[in-house]
PDB file of N, CA and C in Angstrom:
ATOM      1  N   MET A   1       0.679  -1.419  -0.174  1.00  0.00           N
ATOM      2  CA  MET A   1      -0.303   0.087  -0.010  1.00  0.00           C
ATOM      3  C   MET A   1       0.792   1.300  -0.168  1.00  0.00           C
ATOM      4  N   MET A   2       0.391   2.348  -0.738  1.00  0.00           N
ATOM      5  CA  MET A   2       1.280   3.607  -0.703  1.00  0.00           C
ATOM      6  C   MET A   2       0.245   4.726  -0.795  1.00  0.00           C
ATOM      7  N   ALA A   3       0.407   5.328   0.115  1.00  0.00           N
ATOM      8  CA  ALA A   3      -0.266   6.790   0.110  1.00  0.00           C
ATOM      9  C   ALA A   3       0.767   8.081   0.248  1.00  0.00           C
ATOM     10  N   MET A   4       0.007   9.060  -0.370  1.00  0.00           N
ATOM     11  CA  MET A   4       0.656  10.409  -0.695  1.00  0.00           C
ATOM     12  C   MET A   4       0.338  11.523   0.197  1.00  0.00           C
ATOM     13  N   SER A   5       0.650  12.568   0.768  1.00  0.00           N
ATOM     14  CA  SER A   5       0.297  13.426   1.309  1.00  0.00           C
ATOM     15  C   SER A   5       1.448  14.656   0.868  1.00  0.00           C
ATOM     16  N   ILE A   6       0.943  15.916   0.575  1.00  0.00           N
ATOM     17  CA  ILE A   6       1.832  16.635  -0.026  1.00  0.00           C
ATOM     18  C   ILE A   6       1.412  17.932   0.859  1.00  0.00           C
ATOM     19  N   SER A   7       2.223  18.797   1.479  1.00  0.00           N
ATOM     20  CA  SER A   7       1.992  20.090   2.041  1.00  0.00           C
ATOM     21  C   SER A   7       2.828  21.060   1.655  1.00  0.00           C
ATOM     22  N   THR A   8       2.273  22.102   1.216  1.00  0.00           N
ATOM     23  CA  THR A   8       2.910  23.136   0.415  1.00  0.00           C
ATOM     24  C   THR A   8       2.844  24.573   1.341  1.00  0.00           C
ATOM     25  N   SER A   9       3.707  25.243   1.494  1.00  0.00           N
ATOM     26  CA  SER A   9       3.912  26.758   2.180  1.00  0.00           C
ATOM     27  C   SER A   9       5.114  26.937   2.567  1.00  0.00           C
ATOM     28  N   ASN A  10       5.335  28.017   2.971  1.00  0.00           N
ATOM     29  CA  ASN A  10       6.660  28.320   4.006  1.00  0.00           C
ATOM     30  C   ASN A  10       7.063  27.380   5.062  1.00  0.00           C
ATOM     31  N   GLY A  11       5.946  26.477   5.620  1.00  0.00           N
ATOM     32  CA  GLY A  11       6.305  25.843   6.661  1.00  0.00           C
ATOM     33  C   GLY A  11       4.764  25.465   7.260  1.00  0.00           C
ATOM     34  N   THR A  12       4.699  24.405   8.365  1.00  0.00           N
ATOM     35  CA  THR A  12       3.811  24.135   8.585  1.00  0.00           C
ATOM     36  C   THR A  12       3.690  24.277  10.117  1.00  0.00           C
ATOM     37  N   SER A  13       2.626  24.338  11.144  1.00  0.00           N
ATOM     38  CA  SER A  13       2.596  24.156  12.350  1.00  0.00           C
ATOM     39  C   SER A  13       2.856  22.799  13.132  1.00  0.00           C
ATOM     40  N   TYR A  14       2.815  22.885  14.064  1.00  0.00           N
ATOM     41  CA  TYR A  14       2.881  21.280  14.495  1.00  0.00           C
ATOM     42  C   TYR A  14       1.754  20.449  14.088  1.00  0.00           C
ATOM     43  N   TYR A  15       2.234  19.026  13.738  1.00  0.00           N
ATOM     44  CA  TYR A  15       1.284  18.207  12.961  1.00  0.00           C
ATOM     45  C   TYR A  15       1.598  16.990  14.018  1.00  0.00           C
ATOM     46  N   TYR A  16       0.437  16.362  14.036  1.00  0.00           N
ATOM     47  CA  TYR A  16       0.521  14.819  14.766  1.00  0.00           C
ATOM     48  C   TYR A  16      -0.540  14.067  13.964  1.00  0.00           C
ATOM     49  N   ASP A  17      -0.107  12.935  13.539  1.00  0.00           N
ATOM     50  CA  ASP A  17      -0.943  12.288  12.689  1.00  0.00           C
ATOM     51  C   ASP A  17      -1.063  10.856  13.591  1.00  0.00           C
ATOM     52  N   ASP A  18      -2.263  10.425  14.262  1.00  0.00           N
ATOM     53  CA  ASP A  18      -2.345   9.500  15.196  1.00  0.00           C
ATOM     54  C   ASP A  18      -2.822   8.574  14.612  1.00  0.00           C
ATOM     55  N   GLY A  19      -2.662   7.235  15.082  1.00  0.00           N
ATOM     56  CA  GLY A  19      -3.140   5.964  14.423  1.00  0.00           C
ATOM     57  C   GLY A  19      -2.626   5.511  13.390  1.00  0.00           C
ATOM     58  N   ASP A  20      -1.384   5.942  12.474  1.00  0.00           N
ATOM     59  CA  ASP A  20      -0.488   5.542  11.615  1.00  0.00           C
ATOM     60  C   ASP A  20      -0.019   3.863  11.993  1.00  0.00           C
ATOM     61  N   ASP A  21      -0.030   2.894  10.957  1.00  0.00           N
ATOM     62  CA  ASP A  21       0.417   1.778  11.288  1.00  0.00           C
ATOM     63  C   ASP A  21       1.822   1.771  11.303  1.00  0.00           C
ATOM     64  N   ALA A  22       2.259   1.053  12.645  1.00  0.00           N
ATOM     65  CA  ALA A  22       3.880   1.062  12.900  1.00  0.00           C
ATOM     66  C   ALA A  22       4.575   0.361  11.990  1.00  0.00           C
ATOM     67  N   HIS A  23       4.377  -0.402  10.983  1.00  0.00           N
ATOM     68  CA  HIS A  23       5.322  -0.930  10.080  1.00  0.00           C
ATOM     69  C   HIS A  23       5.398   0.017   8.649  1.00  0.00           C
ATOM     70  N   PHE A  24       4.962   1.012   8.686  1.00  0.00           N
ATOM     71  CA  PHE A  24       5.081   1.787   7.497  1.00  0.00           C
ATOM     72  C   PHE A  24       5.992   3.206   7.869  1.00  0.00           C
ATOM     73  N   TYR A  25       6.699   3.918   7.076  1.00  0.00           N
ATOM     74  CA  TYR A  25       7.436   5.056   6.974  1.00  0.00           C
ATOM     75  C   TYR A  25       6.928   6.160   6.541  1.00  0.00           C
ATOM     76  N   SER A  26       7.305   7.204   7.332  1.00  0.00           N
ATOM     77  CA  SER A  26       7.020   8.675   6.574  1.00  0.00           C
ATOM     78  C   SER A  26       8.277   8.986   6.043  1.00  0.00           C
ATOM     79  N   ILE A  27       8.210   9.779   5.049  1.00  0.00           N
ATOM     80  CA  ILE A  27       9.335  10.172   3.914  1.00  0.00           C
ATOM     81  C   ILE A  27       8.710  11.816   3.789  1.00  0.00           C
ATOM     82  N   ILE A  28       9.860  12.653   3.768  1.00  0.00           N
ATOM     83  CA  ILE A  28       9.677  13.966   3.799  1.00  0.00           C
ATOM     84  C   ILE A  28      10.725  14.337   2.690  1.00  0.00           C
ATOM     85  N   LEU A  29      10.423  14.959   1.766  1.00  0.00           N
ATOM     86  CA  LEU A  29      11.213  15.428   0.466  1.00  0.00           C
ATOM     87  C   LEU A  29      11.293  17.089   0.950  1.00  0.00           C
ATOM     88  N   ILE A  30      12.612  17.367   1.188  1.00  0.00           N
ATOM     89  CA  ILE A  30      12.318  18.986   1.348  1.00  0.00           C
ATOM     90  C   ILE A  30      12.627  19.661  -0.196  1.00  0.00           C
ATOM     91  N   LEU A  31      11.781  20.603  -0.523  1.00  0.00           N
ATOM     92  CA  LEU A  31      12.145  21.331  -1.609  1.00  0.00           C
ATOM     93  C   LEU A  31      11.915  22.803  -1.392  1.00  0.00           C
ATOM     94  N   GLY A  32      12.369  23.675  -1.995  1.00  0.00           N
ATOM     95  CA  GLY A  32      12.213  24.967  -1.797  1.00  0.00           C
ATOM     96  C   GLY A  32      12.950  25.684  -0.929  1.00  0.00           C
ATOM     97  N   THR A  33      12.721  26.214   0.453  1.00  0.00           N
ATOM     98  CA  THR A  33      13.323  26.595   1.426  1.00  0.00           C
ATOM     99  C   THR A  33      13.563  25.577   2.510  1.00  0.00           C
ATOM    100  N   GLY A  34      14.719  25.438   3.097  1.00  0.00           N
ATOM    101  CA  GLY A  34      14.982  24.562   4.181  1.00  0.00           C
ATOM    102  C   GLY A  34      14.339  25.227   5.643  1.00  0.00           C
ATOM    103  N   GLY A  35      14.725  24.303   6.818  1.00  0.00           N
ATOM    104  CA  GLY A  35      14.436  25.083   7.454  1.00  0.00           C
ATOM    105  C   GLY A  35      14.521  23.927   8.958  1.00  0.00           C
ATOM    106  N   LEU A  36      14.091  24.106   9.807  1.00  0.00           N
ATOM    107  CA  LEU A  36      14.402  23.207  11.325  1.00  0.00           C
ATOM    108  C   LEU A  36      12.986  22.014  11.352  1.00  0.00           C
ATOM    109  N   LEU A  37      13.441  21.119  11.104  1.00  0.00           N
ATOM    110  CA  LEU A  37      12.278  19.637  11.311  1.00  0.00           C
ATOM    111  C   LEU A  37      12.536  19.612  12.856  1.00  0.00           C
ATOM    112  N   LYS A  38      11.287  19.201  13.457  1.00  0.00           N
ATOM    113  CA  LYS A  38      11.049  18.747  14.911  1.00  0.00           C
ATOM    114  C   LYS A  38      10.390  17.656  15.018  1.00  0.00           C
ATOM    115  N   LEU A  39      10.903  16.409  15.476  1.00  0.00           N
ATOM    116  CA  LEU A  39      10.372  15.489  15.750  1.00  0.00           C
ATOM    117  C   LEU A  39       9.957  15.419  17.272  1.00  0.00           C
ATOM    118  N   LEU A  40       9.201  15.683  17.767  1.00  0.00           N
ATOM    119  CA  LEU A  40       8.956  16.265  19.133  1.00  0.00           C
ATOM    120  C   LEU A  40       8.998  14.778  19.976  1.00  0.00           C
ATOM    121  N   GLU A  41       8.339  13.725  19.510  1.00  0.00           N
ATOM    122  CA  GLU A  41       8.231  12.598  20.510  1.00  0.00           C
ATOM    123  C   GLU A  41       9.667  11.669  20.349  1.00  0.00           C
ATOM    124  N   LEU A  42      10.428  11.930  19.514  1.00  0.00           N
ATOM    125  CA  LEU A  42      11.643  11.122  19.336  1.00  0.00           C
ATOM    126  C   LEU A  42      12.824  12.462  20.174  1.00  0.00           C
ATOM    127  N   GLY A  43      12.409  13.806  20.451  1.00  0.00           N
ATOM    128  CA  GLY A  43      13.415  14.339  20.802  1.00  0.00           C
ATOM    129  C   GLY A  43      14.167  14.870  19.752  1.00  0.00           C
ATOM    130  N   TYR A  44      14.176  14.843  18.548  1.00  0.00           N
ATOM    131  CA  TYR A  44      15.066  15.238  17.749  1.00  0.00           C
ATOM    132  C   TYR A  44      14.735  16.516  16.907  1.00  0.00           C
ATOM    133  N   GLN A  45      15.687  17.400  16.600  1.00  0.00           N
ATOM    134  CA  GLN A  45      15.484  18.529  15.818  1.00  0.00           C
ATOM    135  C   GLN A  45      16.819  18.176  14.881  1.00  0.00           C
ATOM    136  N   VAL A  46      16.235  18.642  13.572  1.00  0.00           N
ATOM    137  CA  VAL A  46      17.266  18.431  12.444  1.00  0.00           C
ATOM    138  C   VAL A  46      17.102  19.638  11.447  1.00  0.00           C
ATOM    139  N   TYR A  47      18.263  20.388  11.218  1.00  0.00           N
ATOM    140  CA  TYR A  47      18.032  21.412   9.924  1.00  0.00           C
ATOM    141  C   TYR A  47      17.791  20.761   8.491  1.00  0.00           C
ATOM    142  N   VAL A  48      17.054  20.967   8.054  1.00  0.00           N
ATOM    143  CA  VAL A  48      16.909  20.324   6.502  1.00  0.00           C
ATOM    144  C   VAL A  48      17.357  21.384   5.524  1.00  0.00           C
ATOM    145  N   ASN A  49      17.821  21.088   4.178  1.00  0.00           N
ATOM    146  CA  ASN A  49      18.074  21.773   3.550  1.00  0.00           C
ATOM    147  C   ASN A  49      17.281  21.221   1.889  1.00  0.00           C
ATOM    148  N   PRO A  50      17.263  21.869   1.165  1.00  0.00           N
ATOM    149  CA  PRO A  50      16.516  21.715  -0.187  1.00  0.00           C
ATOM    150  C   PRO A  50      17.394  20.517  -0.892  1.00  0.00           C
ATOM    151  N   GLY A  51      16.336  19.178  -1.008  1.00  0.00           N
ATOM    152  CA  GLY A  51      17.259  18.185  -1.840  1.00  0.00           C
ATOM    153  C   GLY A  51      17.251  17.090  -0.422  1.00  0.00           C
ATOM    154  N   ASP A  52      17.145  17.341   0.643  1.00  0.00           N
ATOM    155  CA  ASP A  52      16.890  16.384   1.805  1.00  0.00           C
ATOM    156  C   ASP A  52      16.000  15.381   1.761  1.00  0.00           C
ATOM    157  N   VAL A  53      16.341  14.346   2.375  1.00  0.00           N
ATOM    158  CA  VAL A  53      14.886  13.491   2.455  1.00  0.00           C
ATOM    159  C   VAL A  53      15.089  12.709   3.746  1.00  0.00           C
ATOM    160  N   VAL A  54      13.908  12.931   4.691  1.00  0.00           N
ATOM    161  CA  VAL A  54      14.063  12.505   5.792  1.00  0.00           C
ATOM    162  C   VAL A  54      12.928  11.188   5.513  1.00  0.00           C
ATOM    163  N   PHE A  55      13.463   9.897   6.714  1.00  0.00           N
ATOM    164  CA  PHE A  55      12.690   9.073   6.794  1.00  0.00           C
ATOM    165  C   PHE A  55      12.572   8.609   7.991  1.00  0.00           C
ATOM    166  N   PHE A  56      11.347   8.212   8.634  1.00  0.00           N
ATOM    167  CA  PHE A  56      11.076   7.856   9.982  1.00  0.00           C
ATOM    168  C   PHE A  56       9.553   6.787  10.163  1.00  0.00           C
ATOM    169  N   LEU A  57       9.748   5.898  11.228  1.00  0.00           N
ATOM    170  CA  LEU A  57       8.740   5.128  11.045  1.00  0.00           C
ATOM    171  C   LEU A  57       7.419   6.286  11.480  1.00  0.00           C
ATOM    172  N   ALA A  58       6.290   5.691  10.973  1.00  0.00           N
ATOM    173  CA  ALA A  58       5.249   6.616  10.734  1.00  0.00           C
ATOM    174  C   ALA A  58       4.409   6.708  12.470  1.00  0.00           C
ATOM    175  N   ASN A  59       4.690   5.638  13.121  1.00  0.00           N
ATOM    176  CA  ASN A  59       4.049   5.755  14.346  1.00  0.00           C
ATOM    177  C   ASN A  59       4.908   5.445  15.267  1.00  0.00           C
TER     178      ASN A  59
END
């Protein structure tokens, strides 16, 4: 199964996706302007730049 969601703008506010299957990954591809990606539940903050790709478990 594959699903896709596309967010566009200068950034998004805090987003939490409850109920995702623990066997799937979320993938973020940075286009345009970079910024600070915060994965709050993991305690990680990562500066991302255009062309970066970030993978993490969906749940």
